[in-house]
Every structure is written in structure tokens, then in C-alpha cells.
Amino acid sequence: MVNKQIKDTDKFISRMLENIEKVFSEKANSIDVAAIDKRLDELQEEMERLVRLNVKANLDADIYGEEYARITGEMEELRQQRSTFTQAEFKRKGTLSRVREIEKMLLGKELLKDFDEDLFKALVEQIRVKSLVDVVFVRITERKP
């Protein structure tokens, strides 16, 4: 079974990398930064009109305060969304860069051609799975009395 998987490593690696890129691109497209920037510009213009109107017409302080708070609140929320997206984008690009490095390493190295199951059984007594990414092979010489 292991030998069958080893023979298709190039196909496996390319499919795995395609899936990783697909997930990252789906997350990247979930937020439209241009739409956020456009709305921020609209709110900035709205804020300027409100201030001009207040200067000219001396609006009621409560109405002016409520409208000012609404606009600044929405602007702050949009800035926070943009900041969160920007940070996630930096992480995404860093992760994709690491994935490319892994791809180069995997495709550049000569991988195992055949798995010797008898040798494996002779050397490894037990396999302990501590988590999804942490596996320990207990060698026969590591047995404790």
C-alpha cells in the first residue's frame, strides 16, 4: 500500500499544493478591499458635508452628534476590517511562500522509491500518535525495562 502511494508522489504533491492555493485564494477573495476603500471615501465625503452643514446651519447638537458618531463608527469598523484583511493577507502570502519552498524541496529531492515493510517492522515496535501532526515511532532498542 505504501509503495503504491510512493509511486504517485508528484501527482499527490501537485494536487495537495493546488488544494492549498485554492483554499487561500477563496479566503483572499472573501473581502473586497476596493469596496471598503470606496465606502470609506463616501463616508469621508459625507463627514465633510456634515461638518460644512453644521458650520452653515448650526445643526442641533444632538442630531449632529448622533450623525457624527454614526459616520465615525462605520468608518472605524471598515478600517478595522481592512486592517484585519491586510494582516491576514500578509500571513497568507508568507504561508504560500513557505508552501512554494516545500514544493521545491519535495520535487527537488529524490524520494523513497520502495518501502521495506519488513525492515520497518524489525526496527519499529510501536507508533504513538500524539496529535494529528505529532507521531512518535518507538524503536525496539528504546524499550524500557
C-alpha atoms as a PDB file:
ATOM      1  CA  MET A   1       0.000   0.000   0.000  1.00  0.00           C
ATOM      2  CA  VAL A   2       2.745   2.446   0.893  1.00  0.00           C
ATOM      3  CA  ASN A   3       4.675   1.619  -2.267  1.00  0.00           C
ATOM      4  CA  LYS A   4       1.614   2.476  -4.376  1.00  0.00           C
ATOM      5  CA  GLN A   5       1.449   5.911  -2.737  1.00  0.00           C
ATOM      6  CA  ILE A   6       5.156   6.488  -3.228  1.00  0.00           C
ATOM      7  CA  LYS A   7       4.892   5.940  -6.986  1.00  0.00           C
ATOM      8  CA  ASP A   8       2.358   8.774  -7.358  1.00  0.00           C
ATOM      9  CA  THR A   9       4.175  11.384  -5.266  1.00  0.00           C
ATOM     10  CA  ASP A  10       4.429  14.022  -7.996  1.00  0.00           C
ATOM     11  CA  LYS A  11       0.719  13.786  -8.655  1.00  0.00           C
ATOM     12  CA  PHE A  12      -0.024  13.825  -4.919  1.00  0.00           C
ATOM     13  CA  ILE A  13       2.230  16.830  -4.275  1.00  0.00           C
ATOM     14  CA  SER A  14       0.788  18.862  -7.135  1.00  0.00           C
ATOM     15  CA  ARG A  15      -2.803  18.082  -6.094  1.00  0.00           C
ATOM     16  CA  MET A  16      -2.037  18.942  -2.470  1.00  0.00           C
ATOM     17  CA  LEU A  17      -0.483  22.280  -3.463  1.00  0.00           C
ATOM     18  CA  GLU A  18      -3.398  23.101  -5.764  1.00  0.00           C
ATOM     19  CA  ASN A  19      -5.819  22.481  -2.902  1.00  0.00           C
ATOM     20  CA  ILE A  20      -3.803  24.666  -0.532  1.00  0.00           C
ATOM     21  CA  GLU A  21      -3.707  27.506  -3.062  1.00  0.00           C
ATOM     22  CA  LYS A  22      -7.423  27.124  -3.739  1.00  0.00           C
ATOM     23  CA  VAL A  23      -8.265  27.484  -0.048  1.00  0.00           C
ATOM     24  CA  PHE A  24      -6.046  30.552   0.278  1.00  0.00           C
ATOM     25  CA  SER A  25      -7.457  32.215  -2.822  1.00  0.00           C
ATOM     26  CA  GLU A  26     -11.039  31.617  -1.633  1.00  0.00           C
ATOM     27  CA  LYS A  27     -10.237  33.325   1.669  1.00  0.00           C
ATOM     28  CA  ALA A  28      -8.488  36.192  -0.102  1.00  0.00           C
ATOM     29  CA  ASN A  29     -11.491  36.847  -2.327  1.00  0.00           C
ATOM     30  CA  SER A  30     -13.959  36.861   0.571  1.00  0.00           C
ATOM     31  CA  ILE A  31     -13.297  40.549   1.316  1.00  0.00           C
ATOM     32  CA  ASP A  32     -13.434  43.203  -1.349  1.00  0.00           C
ATOM     33  CA  VAL A  33     -10.853  45.805  -0.313  1.00  0.00           C
ATOM     34  CA  ALA A  34     -11.802  48.095  -3.182  1.00  0.00           C
ATOM     35  CA  ALA A  35     -15.395  48.172  -1.916  1.00  0.00           C
ATOM     36  CA  ILE A  36     -14.177  49.008   1.593  1.00  0.00           C
ATOM     37  CA  ASP A  37     -11.985  51.821   0.264  1.00  0.00           C
ATOM     38  CA  LYS A  38     -14.836  53.172  -1.847  1.00  0.00           C
ATOM     39  CA  ARG A  39     -17.195  53.175   1.145  1.00  0.00           C
ATOM     40  CA  LEU A  40     -14.544  54.876   3.297  1.00  0.00           C
ATOM     41  CA  ASP A  41     -14.235  57.630   0.657  1.00  0.00           C
ATOM     42  CA  GLU A  42     -18.021  58.016   0.582  1.00  0.00           C
ATOM     43  CA  LEU A  43     -18.144  58.288   4.368  1.00  0.00           C
ATOM     44  CA  GLN A  44     -15.302  60.821   4.369  1.00  0.00           C
ATOM     45  CA  GLU A  45     -17.257  62.974   1.899  1.00  0.00           C
ATOM     46  CA  GLU A  46     -20.399  62.536   3.993  1.00  0.00           C
ATOM     47  CA  MET A  47     -18.460  63.637   7.080  1.00  0.00           C
ATOM     48  CA  GLU A  48     -17.166  66.744   5.285  1.00  0.00           C
ATOM     49  CA  ARG A  49     -20.711  67.640   4.151  1.00  0.00           C
ATOM     50  CA  LEU A  50     -21.990  67.177   7.696  1.00  0.00           C
ATOM     51  CA  VAL A  51     -19.303  69.462   9.133  1.00  0.00           C
ATOM     52  CA  ARG A  52     -19.960  72.113   6.446  1.00  0.00           C
ATOM     53  CA  LEU A  53     -23.696  71.903   7.066  1.00  0.00           C
ATOM     54  CA  ASN A  54     -23.145  72.274  10.794  1.00  0.00           C
ATOM     55  CA  VAL A  55     -20.966  75.339  10.254  1.00  0.00           C
ATOM     56  CA  LYS A  56     -23.507  76.963   7.898  1.00  0.00           C
ATOM     57  CA  ALA A  57     -26.796  75.935   9.502  1.00  0.00           C
ATOM     58  CA  ASN A  58     -25.728  75.378  13.110  1.00  0.00           C
ATOM     59  CA  LEU A  59     -27.419  71.980  13.450  1.00  0.00           C
ATOM     60  CA  ASP A  60     -28.946  70.756  16.690  1.00  0.00           C
ATOM     61  CA  ALA A  61     -26.083  69.408  18.816  1.00  0.00           C
ATOM     62  CA  ASP A  62     -27.825  66.075  19.477  1.00  0.00           C
ATOM     63  CA  ILE A  63     -28.589  65.455  15.804  1.00  0.00           C
ATOM     64  CA  TYR A  64     -25.076  66.480  14.773  1.00  0.00           C
ATOM     65  CA  GLY A  65     -23.533  64.289  17.477  1.00  0.00           C
ATOM     66  CA  GLU A  66     -25.605  61.251  16.550  1.00  0.00           C
ATOM     67  CA  GLU A  67     -24.831  61.571  12.848  1.00  0.00           C
ATOM     68  CA  TYR A  68     -21.156  62.248  13.518  1.00  0.00           C
ATOM     69  CA  ALA A  69     -20.968  59.180  15.796  1.00  0.00           C
ATOM     70  CA  ARG A  70     -22.733  57.004  13.197  1.00  0.00           C
ATOM     71  CA  ILE A  71     -20.328  58.018  10.445  1.00  0.00           C
ATOM     72  CA  THR A  72     -17.181  57.684  12.563  1.00  0.00           C
ATOM     73  CA  GLY A  73     -18.395  54.339  13.924  1.00  0.00           C
ATOM     74  CA  GLU A  74     -18.903  52.920  10.451  1.00  0.00           C
ATOM     75  CA  MET A  75     -15.563  54.314   9.301  1.00  0.00           C
ATOM     76  CA  GLU A  76     -13.787  52.732  12.266  1.00  0.00           C
ATOM     77  CA  GLU A  77     -15.477  49.390  11.602  1.00  0.00           C
ATOM     78  CA  LEU A  78     -14.413  49.486   7.945  1.00  0.00           C
ATOM     79  CA  ARG A  79     -10.845  50.434   8.873  1.00  0.00           C
ATOM     80  CA  GLN A  80     -10.752  47.513  11.292  1.00  0.00           C
ATOM     81  CA  GLN A  81     -11.998  45.130   8.586  1.00  0.00           C
ATOM     82  CA  ARG A  82      -9.370  46.436   6.184  1.00  0.00           C
ATOM     83  CA  SER A  83      -6.626  46.118   8.787  1.00  0.00           C
ATOM     84  CA  THR A  84      -7.668  42.571   9.637  1.00  0.00           C
ATOM     85  CA  PHE A  85      -7.718  41.676   5.955  1.00  0.00           C
ATOM     86  CA  THR A  86      -4.288  43.241   5.386  1.00  0.00           C
ATOM     87  CA  GLN A  87      -2.769  41.279   8.266  1.00  0.00           C
ATOM     88  CA  ALA A  88      -4.380  38.064   7.005  1.00  0.00           C
ATOM     89  CA  GLU A  89      -3.087  38.808   3.502  1.00  0.00           C
ATOM     90  CA  PHE A  90       0.483  39.150   4.801  1.00  0.00           C
ATOM     91  CA  LYS A  91       0.141  35.835   6.626  1.00  0.00           C
ATOM     92  CA  ARG A  92      -1.385  34.223   3.530  1.00  0.00           C
ATOM     93  CA  LYS A  93       1.484  35.401   1.333  1.00  0.00           C
ATOM     94  CA  GLY A  94       4.024  34.164   3.875  1.00  0.00           C
ATOM     95  CA  THR A  95       2.345  30.780   4.067  1.00  0.00           C
ATOM     96  CA  LEU A  96       2.163  30.488   0.283  1.00  0.00           C
ATOM     97  CA  SER A  97       5.852  31.326   0.135  1.00  0.00           C
ATOM     98  CA  ARG A  98       6.579  28.510   2.594  1.00  0.00           C
ATOM     99  CA  VAL A  99       4.382  26.165   0.557  1.00  0.00           C
ATOM    100  CA  ARG A 100       6.461  27.033  -2.533  1.00  0.00           C
ATOM    101  CA  GLU A 101       9.631  26.248  -0.589  1.00  0.00           C
ATOM    102  CA  ILE A 102       8.178  22.907   0.485  1.00  0.00           C
ATOM    103  CA  GLU A 103       7.182  22.198  -3.110  1.00  0.00           C
ATOM    104  CA  LYS A 104      10.716  22.923  -4.338  1.00  0.00           C
ATOM    105  CA  MET A 105      12.173  20.722  -1.639  1.00  0.00           C
ATOM    106  CA  LEU A 106       9.769  17.853  -2.303  1.00  0.00           C
ATOM    107  CA  LEU A 107      10.149  17.973  -6.063  1.00  0.00           C
ATOM    108  CA  GLY A 108      13.911  18.539  -5.911  1.00  0.00           C
ATOM    109  CA  LYS A 109      14.734  15.628  -3.633  1.00  0.00           C
ATOM    110  CA  GLU A 110      14.780  12.030  -4.607  1.00  0.00           C
ATOM    111  CA  LEU A 111      12.071  10.452  -2.569  1.00  0.00           C
ATOM    112  CA  LEU A 112      11.796   6.953  -1.284  1.00  0.00           C
ATOM    113  CA  LYS A 113      11.243   4.567  -4.170  1.00  0.00           C
ATOM    114  CA  ASP A 114      10.185   1.480  -2.221  1.00  0.00           C
ATOM    115  CA  PHE A 115       9.059   0.990   1.337  1.00  0.00           C
ATOM    116  CA  ASP A 116      10.608  -2.009   3.053  1.00  0.00           C
ATOM    117  CA  GLU A 117       7.824  -3.116   5.346  1.00  0.00           C
ATOM    118  CA  ASP A 118       9.858  -5.986   6.834  1.00  0.00           C
ATOM    119  CA  LEU A 119      12.689  -3.630   7.805  1.00  0.00           C
ATOM    120  CA  PHE A 120      10.181  -1.171   9.273  1.00  0.00           C
ATOM    121  CA  LYS A 121       8.576  -3.896  11.379  1.00  0.00           C
ATOM    122  CA  ALA A 122      12.000  -5.069  12.530  1.00  0.00           C
ATOM    123  CA  LEU A 123      13.008  -1.590  13.700  1.00  0.00           C
ATOM    124  CA  VAL A 124       9.759  -0.098  14.969  1.00  0.00           C
ATOM    125  CA  GLU A 125       7.872  -1.710  17.775  1.00  0.00           C
ATOM    126  CA  GLN A 126       5.164   0.863  18.321  1.00  0.00           C
ATOM    127  CA  ILE A 127       3.740   4.008  16.771  1.00  0.00           C
ATOM    128  CA  ARG A 128       2.308   6.635  19.102  1.00  0.00           C
ATOM    129  CA  VAL A 129       0.089   9.304  17.639  1.00  0.00           C
ATOM    130  CA  LYS A 130       0.154  12.271  19.999  1.00  0.00           C
ATOM    131  CA  SER A 131      -1.795  14.589  17.691  1.00  0.00           C
ATOM    132  CA  LEU A 132      -2.610  14.962  14.017  1.00  0.00           C
ATOM    133  CA  VAL A 133       0.901  16.234  13.332  1.00  0.00           C
ATOM    134  CA  ASP A 134       2.922  14.623  16.109  1.00  0.00           C
ATOM    135  CA  VAL A 135       3.779  10.956  15.587  1.00  0.00           C
ATOM    136  CA  VAL A 136       6.444   9.046  17.510  1.00  0.00           C
ATOM    137  CA  PHE A 137       7.992   5.816  16.312  1.00  0.00           C
ATOM    138  CA  VAL A 138       9.207   3.712  19.233  1.00  0.00           C
ATOM    139  CA  ARG A 139      12.227   1.713  18.205  1.00  0.00           C
ATOM    140  CA  ILE A 140      12.782  -1.737  19.603  1.00  0.00           C
ATOM    141  CA  THR A 141      16.034  -0.603  21.246  1.00  0.00           C
ATOM    142  CA  GLU A 142      14.122   2.102  23.154  1.00  0.00           C
ATOM    143  CA  ARG A 143      12.145  -0.387  25.233  1.00  0.00           C
ATOM    144  CA  LYS A 144      12.221   0.401  28.888  1.00  0.00           C
ATOM    145  CA  PRO A 145      12.706  -2.483  31.333  1.00  0.00           C
END
